[in-house]
PDB file of N, CA and C in Angstrom:
ATOM      1  N   UNK A   1      -4.584 -33.362 -91.294  1.00  0.00           N
ATOM      2  CA  UNK A   1      -6.269 -32.747 -91.666  1.00  0.00           C
ATOM      3  C   UNK A   1      -6.787 -32.061 -89.856  1.00  0.00           C
ATOM      4  N   UNK A   2      -6.175 -33.149 -88.772  1.00  0.00           N
ATOM      5  CA  UNK A   2      -6.646 -32.345 -87.963  1.00  0.00           C
ATOM      6  C   UNK A   2      -6.286 -30.883 -86.997  1.00  0.00           C
ATOM      7  N   UNK A   3      -4.773 -30.519 -87.617  1.00  0.00           N
ATOM      8  CA  UNK A   3      -3.973 -29.623 -87.740  1.00  0.00           C
ATOM      9  C   UNK A   3      -5.203 -28.681 -88.314  1.00  0.00           C
ATOM     10  N   UNK A   4      -5.664 -28.572 -89.488  1.00  0.00           N
ATOM     11  CA  UNK A   4      -6.474 -27.894 -89.969  1.00  0.00           C
ATOM     12  C   UNK A   4      -7.762 -27.477 -89.418  1.00  0.00           C
ATOM     13  N   UNK A   5      -8.087 -28.448 -88.847  1.00  0.00           N
ATOM     14  CA  UNK A   5      -9.397 -28.452 -88.481  1.00  0.00           C
ATOM     15  C   UNK A   5      -9.120 -27.768 -86.620  1.00  0.00           C
ATOM     16  N   UNK A   6      -8.193 -27.743 -86.486  1.00  0.00           N
ATOM     17  CA  UNK A   6      -7.992 -26.658 -85.103  1.00  0.00           C
ATOM     18  C   UNK A   6      -7.221 -25.424 -85.206  1.00  0.00           C
ATOM     19  N   UNK A   7      -6.642 -25.040 -86.799  1.00  0.00           N
ATOM     20  CA  UNK A   7      -6.212 -23.932 -86.914  1.00  0.00           C
ATOM     21  C   UNK A   7      -7.847 -23.197 -87.307  1.00  0.00           C
ATOM     22  N   UNK A   8      -8.582 -24.005 -87.586  1.00  0.00           N
ATOM     23  CA  UNK A   8      -9.962 -23.131 -88.474  1.00  0.00           C
ATOM     24  C   UNK A   8     -10.800 -23.153 -86.831  1.00  0.00           C
ATOM     25  N   UNK A   9     -10.570 -24.413 -86.110  1.00  0.00           N
ATOM     26  CA  UNK A   9     -10.902 -24.186 -84.910  1.00  0.00           C
ATOM     27  C   UNK A   9     -10.917 -22.700 -83.735  1.00  0.00           C
ATOM     28  N   UNK A  10      -9.508 -22.174 -83.775  1.00  0.00           N
ATOM     29  CA  UNK A  10      -9.026 -20.904 -82.923  1.00  0.00           C
ATOM     30  C   UNK A  10      -9.188 -20.205 -83.630  1.00  0.00           C
ATOM     31  N   UNK A  11      -9.411 -19.667 -85.417  1.00  0.00           N
ATOM     32  CA  UNK A  11      -9.905 -18.613 -85.470  1.00  0.00           C
ATOM     33  C   UNK A  11     -11.072 -18.416 -85.670  1.00  0.00           C
ATOM     34  N   UNK A  12     -12.208 -19.077 -85.682  1.00  0.00           N
ATOM     35  CA  UNK A  12     -13.897 -19.083 -84.922  1.00  0.00           C
ATOM     36  C   UNK A  12     -13.485 -18.523 -83.353  1.00  0.00           C
ATOM     37  N   UNK A  13     -12.743 -18.800 -82.913  1.00  0.00           N
ATOM     38  CA  UNK A  13     -12.548 -18.453 -81.551  1.00  0.00           C
ATOM     39  C   UNK A  13     -12.167 -16.627 -81.229  1.00  0.00           C
ATOM     40  N   UNK A  14     -11.153 -16.747 -82.010  1.00  0.00           N
ATOM     41  CA  UNK A  14     -10.580 -15.123 -82.523  1.00  0.00           C
ATOM     42  C   UNK A  14     -11.729 -14.207 -83.212  1.00  0.00           C
ATOM     43  N   UNK A  15     -12.760 -14.970 -83.918  1.00  0.00           N
ATOM     44  CA  UNK A  15     -13.161 -13.988 -85.222  1.00  0.00           C
ATOM     45  C   UNK A  15     -14.420 -13.822 -83.469  1.00  0.00           C
ATOM     46  N   UNK A  16     -14.969 -14.635 -82.799  1.00  0.00           N
ATOM     47  CA  UNK A  16     -15.514 -14.492 -81.806  1.00  0.00           C
ATOM     48  C   UNK A  16     -15.201 -13.035 -80.467  1.00  0.00           C
ATOM     49  N   UNK A  17     -13.639 -13.626 -80.421  1.00  0.00           N
ATOM     50  CA  UNK A  17     -13.076 -12.260 -79.641  1.00  0.00           C
ATOM     51  C   UNK A  17     -13.024 -11.194 -80.039  1.00  0.00           C
ATOM     52  N   UNK A  18     -12.634 -11.012 -81.231  1.00  0.00           N
ATOM     53  CA  UNK A  18     -12.968  -9.930 -82.449  1.00  0.00           C
ATOM     54  C   UNK A  18     -14.193  -8.992 -82.075  1.00  0.00           C
ATOM     55  N   UNK A  19     -15.144  -9.881 -82.052  1.00  0.00           N
ATOM     56  CA  UNK A  19     -16.526  -9.522 -82.461  1.00  0.00           C
ATOM     57  C   UNK A  19     -16.993  -8.809 -81.241  1.00  0.00           C
ATOM     58  N   UNK A  20     -16.657  -9.549 -80.052  1.00  0.00           N
ATOM     59  CA  UNK A  20     -17.099  -9.084 -78.792  1.00  0.00           C
ATOM     60  C   UNK A  20     -16.220  -7.676 -78.167  1.00  0.00           C
ATOM     61  N   UNK A  21     -14.977  -7.605 -79.060  1.00  0.00           N
ATOM     62  CA  UNK A  21     -14.039  -6.364 -78.567  1.00  0.00           C
ATOM     63  C   UNK A  21     -14.429  -5.148 -79.606  1.00  0.00           C
ATOM     64  N   UNK A  22     -15.339  -5.310 -80.705  1.00  0.00           N
ATOM     65  CA  UNK A  22     -15.616  -4.546 -81.384  1.00  0.00           C
ATOM     66  C   UNK A  22     -17.294  -3.756 -80.975  1.00  0.00           C
ATOM     67  N   UNK A  23     -17.756  -4.957 -80.480  1.00  0.00           N
ATOM     68  CA  UNK A  23     -19.299  -4.633 -79.503  1.00  0.00           C
ATOM     69  C   UNK A  23     -19.333  -3.824 -78.550  1.00  0.00           C
ATOM     70  N   UNK A  24     -17.845  -3.970 -77.744  1.00  0.00           N
ATOM     71  CA  UNK A  24     -18.056  -3.461 -76.457  1.00  0.00           C
ATOM     72  C   UNK A  24     -17.311  -1.454 -76.960  1.00  0.00           C
ATOM     73  N   UNK A  25     -16.341  -1.421 -77.685  1.00  0.00           N
ATOM     74  CA  UNK A  25     -15.309  -0.468 -78.244  1.00  0.00           C
ATOM     75  C   UNK A  25     -16.542   0.491 -78.850  1.00  0.00           C
ATOM     76  N   UNK A  26     -16.881   0.185 -80.327  1.00  0.00           N
ATOM     77  CA  UNK A  26     -17.279   0.712 -81.311  1.00  0.00           C
ATOM     78  C   UNK A  26     -18.105   1.717 -80.919  1.00  0.00           C
ATOM     79  N   UNK A  27     -18.525   2.894 -82.047  1.00  0.00           N
ATOM     80  CA  UNK A  27     -19.923   3.369 -81.650  1.00  0.00           C
ATOM     81  C   UNK A  27     -21.332   2.314 -82.165  1.00  0.00           C
ATOM     82  N   UNK A  28     -22.411   2.901 -81.812  1.00  0.00           N
ATOM     83  CA  UNK A  28     -23.542   1.954 -82.371  1.00  0.00           C
ATOM     84  C   UNK A  28     -23.794   2.100 -83.459  1.00  0.00           C
ATOM     85  N   UNK A  29     -24.301   1.302 -84.407  1.00  0.00           N
ATOM     86  CA  UNK A  29     -24.478   0.661 -85.420  1.00  0.00           C
ATOM     87  C   UNK A  29     -23.106   0.504 -86.284  1.00  0.00           C
ATOM     88  N   UNK A  30     -22.106   0.377 -85.487  1.00  0.00           N
ATOM     89  CA  UNK A  30     -20.827   0.083 -86.694  1.00  0.00           C
ATOM     90  C   UNK A  30     -20.877  -1.128 -87.777  1.00  0.00           C
ATOM     91  N   UNK A  31     -20.373  -0.908 -88.590  1.00  0.00           N
ATOM     92  CA  UNK A  31     -20.341  -2.599 -89.498  1.00  0.00           C
ATOM     93  C   UNK A  31     -19.119  -3.440 -89.226  1.00  0.00           C
ATOM     94  N   UNK A  32     -18.240  -3.185 -88.174  1.00  0.00           N
ATOM     95  CA  UNK A  32     -17.191  -4.289 -88.043  1.00  0.00           C
ATOM     96  C   UNK A  32     -17.453  -5.135 -87.325  1.00  0.00           C
ATOM     97  N   UNK A  33     -18.638  -4.985 -86.675  1.00  0.00           N
ATOM     98  CA  UNK A  33     -19.063  -6.280 -86.069  1.00  0.00           C
ATOM     99  C   UNK A  33     -19.792  -7.169 -86.648  1.00  0.00           C
ATOM    100  N   UNK A  34     -20.701  -6.786 -87.867  1.00  0.00           N
ATOM    101  CA  UNK A  34     -21.313  -7.573 -88.480  1.00  0.00           C
ATOM    102  C   UNK A  34     -20.795  -8.337 -89.833  1.00  0.00           C
ATOM    103  N   UNK A  35     -19.114  -7.312 -89.671  1.00  0.00           N
ATOM    104  CA  UNK A  35     -18.292  -8.170 -90.498  1.00  0.00           C
ATOM    105  C   UNK A  35     -17.512  -9.174 -89.529  1.00  0.00           C
ATOM    106  N   UNK A  36     -17.252  -9.388 -88.352  1.00  0.00           N
ATOM    107  CA  UNK A  36     -16.584 -10.260 -87.779  1.00  0.00           C
ATOM    108  C   UNK A  36     -17.626 -11.166 -87.365  1.00  0.00           C
ATOM    109  N   UNK A  37     -19.249 -11.091 -87.419  1.00  0.00           N
ATOM    110  CA  UNK A  37     -20.125 -12.666 -87.643  1.00  0.00           C
ATOM    111  C   UNK A  37     -19.954 -12.891 -88.685  1.00  0.00           C
ATOM    112  N   UNK A  38     -20.001 -12.697 -89.836  1.00  0.00           N
ATOM    113  CA  UNK A  38     -20.196 -12.775 -91.095  1.00  0.00           C
ATOM    114  C   UNK A  38     -19.020 -13.964 -91.096  1.00  0.00           C
ATOM    115  N   UNK A  39     -17.715 -13.092 -90.560  1.00  0.00           N
ATOM    116  CA  UNK A  39     -16.667 -14.128 -90.661  1.00  0.00           C
ATOM    117  C   UNK A  39     -16.554 -15.373 -89.892  1.00  0.00           C
ATOM    118  N   UNK A  40     -17.266 -14.769 -88.810  1.00  0.00           N
ATOM    119  CA  UNK A  40     -17.312 -16.096 -87.673  1.00  0.00           C
ATOM    120  C   UNK A  40     -18.238 -17.197 -88.677  1.00  0.00           C
ATOM    121  N   UNK A  41     -19.460 -16.351 -88.971  1.00  0.00           N
ATOM    122  CA  UNK A  41     -20.329 -18.411 -90.000  1.00  0.00           C
ATOM    123  C   UNK A  41     -19.624 -18.759 -91.298  1.00  0.00           C
ATOM    124  N   UNK A  42     -18.827 -17.948 -91.605  1.00  0.00           N
ATOM    125  CA  UNK A  42     -18.145 -18.799 -92.804  1.00  0.00           C
ATOM    126  C   UNK A  42     -17.401 -19.969 -92.512  1.00  0.00           C
ATOM    127  N   UNK A  43     -16.513 -19.388 -91.115  1.00  0.00           N
ATOM    128  CA  UNK A  43     -15.515 -20.099 -90.615  1.00  0.00           C
ATOM    129  C   UNK A  43     -16.432 -21.363 -90.144  1.00  0.00           C
ATOM    130  N   UNK A  44     -17.279 -21.445 -89.046  1.00  0.00           N
ATOM    131  CA  UNK A  44     -18.127 -22.205 -88.273  1.00  0.00           C
ATOM    132  C   UNK A  44     -18.596 -23.493 -89.547  1.00  0.00           C
ATOM    133  N   UNK A  45     -19.280 -22.605 -90.760  1.00  0.00           N
ATOM    134  CA  UNK A  45     -19.872 -23.964 -91.737  1.00  0.00           C
ATOM    135  C   UNK A  45     -18.547 -24.230 -92.183  1.00  0.00           C
ATOM    136  N   UNK A  46     -17.501 -23.846 -92.654  1.00  0.00           N
ATOM    137  CA  UNK A  46     -16.307 -24.495 -93.577  1.00  0.00           C
ATOM    138  C   UNK A  46     -15.666 -25.400 -92.764  1.00  0.00           C
ATOM    139  N   UNK A  47     -15.697 -25.214 -90.922  1.00  0.00           N
ATOM    140  CA  UNK A  47     -15.703 -26.056 -90.044  1.00  0.00           C
ATOM    141  C   UNK A  47     -16.592 -27.099 -89.873  1.00  0.00           C
ATOM    142  N   UNK A  48     -17.772 -27.173 -90.252  1.00  0.00           N
ATOM    143  CA  UNK A  48     -18.220 -28.673 -90.108  1.00  0.00           C
ATOM    144  C   UNK A  48     -18.145 -28.997 -91.496  1.00  0.00           C
ATOM    145  N   UNK A  49     -18.332 -28.345 -92.819  1.00  0.00           N
ATOM    146  CA  UNK A  49     -18.066 -29.541 -93.898  1.00  0.00           C
ATOM    147  C   UNK A  49     -16.536 -30.053 -93.829  1.00  0.00           C
ATOM    148  N   UNK A  50     -15.497 -28.927 -93.184  1.00  0.00           N
ATOM    149  CA  UNK A  50     -14.338 -30.061 -93.047  1.00  0.00           C
ATOM    150  C   UNK A  50     -14.730 -31.468 -92.102  1.00  0.00           C
ATOM    151  N   UNK A  51     -14.998 -31.032 -91.012  1.00  0.00           N
ATOM    152  CA  UNK A  51     -15.407 -32.168 -90.123  1.00  0.00           C
ATOM    153  C   UNK A  51     -15.876 -33.564 -90.614  1.00  0.00           C
ATOM    154  N   UNK A  52     -17.294 -32.950 -91.232  1.00  0.00           N
ATOM    155  CA  UNK A  52     -18.123 -33.989 -92.439  1.00  0.00           C
ATOM    156  C   UNK A  52     -17.124 -34.862 -93.126  1.00  0.00           C
ATOM    157  N   UNK A  53     -16.336 -33.838 -94.014  1.00  0.00           N
ATOM    158  CA  UNK A  53     -16.003 -34.558 -94.995  1.00  0.00           C
ATOM    159  C   UNK A  53     -14.517 -35.198 -94.311  1.00  0.00           C
ATOM    160  N   UNK A  54     -13.705 -35.123 -92.689  1.00  0.00           N
ATOM    161  CA  UNK A  54     -12.795 -36.024 -92.763  1.00  0.00           C
ATOM    162  C   UNK A  54     -13.440 -36.763 -92.093  1.00  0.00           C
ATOM    163  N   UNK A  55     -14.513 -37.197 -91.449  1.00  0.00           N
ATOM    164  CA  UNK A  55     -15.252 -37.985 -91.323  1.00  0.00           C
ATOM    165  C   UNK A  55     -15.722 -39.581 -92.364  1.00  0.00           C
ATOM    166  N   UNK A  56     -15.891 -38.878 -93.045  1.00  0.00           N
ATOM    167  CA  UNK A  56     -16.654 -39.834 -94.236  1.00  0.00           C
ATOM    168  C   UNK A  56     -15.551 -40.580 -95.145  1.00  0.00           C
ATOM    169  N   UNK A  57     -14.567 -39.420 -95.014  1.00  0.00           N
ATOM    170  CA  UNK A  57     -12.805 -40.175 -95.876  1.00  0.00           C
ATOM    171  C   UNK A  57     -12.177 -40.955 -94.897  1.00  0.00           C
ATOM    172  N   UNK A  58     -12.755 -41.139 -93.681  1.00  0.00           N
ATOM    173  CA  UNK A  58     -12.017 -41.670 -92.869  1.00  0.00           C
ATOM    174  C   UNK A  58     -10.698 -41.539 -92.265  1.00  0.00           C
ATOM    175  N   UNK A  59     -10.602 -40.110 -92.484  1.00  0.00           N
ATOM    176  CA  UNK A  59      -9.245 -39.314 -91.809  1.00  0.00           C
ATOM    177  C   UNK A  59      -9.367 -39.221 -90.371  1.00  0.00           C
ATOM    178  N   UNK A  60     -10.766 -39.215 -89.544  1.00  0.00           N
ATOM    179  CA  UNK A  60     -10.728 -39.096 -88.445  1.00  0.00           C
ATOM    180  C   UNK A  60     -11.808 -39.843 -87.583  1.00  0.00           C
ATOM    181  N   UNK A  61     -11.434 -40.266 -87.314  1.00  0.00           N
ATOM    182  CA  UNK A  61     -12.634 -41.373 -86.480  1.00  0.00           C
ATOM    183  C   UNK A  61     -12.897 -40.728 -85.143  1.00  0.00           C
ATOM    184  N   UNK A  62     -14.090 -41.087 -84.746  1.00  0.00           N
ATOM    185  CA  UNK A  62     -14.826 -40.669 -82.879  1.00  0.00           C
ATOM    186  C   UNK A  62     -14.371 -40.807 -82.068  1.00  0.00           C
ATOM    187  N   UNK A  63     -14.591 -41.170 -81.079  1.00  0.00           N
ATOM    188  CA  UNK A  63     -14.270 -41.577 -80.131  1.00  0.00           C
ATOM    189  C   UNK A  63     -12.685 -41.675 -79.189  1.00  0.00           C
ATOM    190  N   UNK A  64     -12.253 -41.937 -78.415  1.00  0.00           N
ATOM    191  CA  UNK A  64     -10.936 -42.283 -78.018  1.00  0.00           C
ATOM    192  C   UNK A  64     -10.229 -43.620 -79.412  1.00  0.00           C
ATOM    193  N   UNK A  65      -8.644 -42.732 -79.811  1.00  0.00           N
ATOM    194  CA  UNK A  65      -7.918 -43.899 -80.257  1.00  0.00           C
ATOM    195  C   UNK A  65      -7.370 -44.699 -79.496  1.00  0.00           C
ATOM    196  N   UNK A  66      -7.087 -45.857 -80.062  1.00  0.00           N
ATOM    197  CA  UNK A  66      -6.328 -46.883 -78.813  1.00  0.00           C
ATOM    198  C   UNK A  66      -5.226 -47.098 -80.050  1.00  0.00           C
ATOM    199  N   UNK A  67      -4.082 -46.896 -79.028  1.00  0.00           N
ATOM    200  CA  UNK A  67      -2.850 -47.039 -79.777  1.00  0.00           C
ATOM    201  C   UNK A  67      -2.434 -48.859 -80.099  1.00  0.00           C
TER     202      UNK A  67
END
């Protein structure tokens, strides 16, 4: 589950970078910036739901893991 959470987190970061690129390179009023924002918000919601679900299912726990 931790791997899935990391993949979604990096997808959020990639979507953020993509939106920044489109914002700086595209013409004014380009729909690609809005699409990147929608994807980032959707991925962020998915990440939050995965974290909450994983915590309540006991798959992850806060704090350092003592071996």
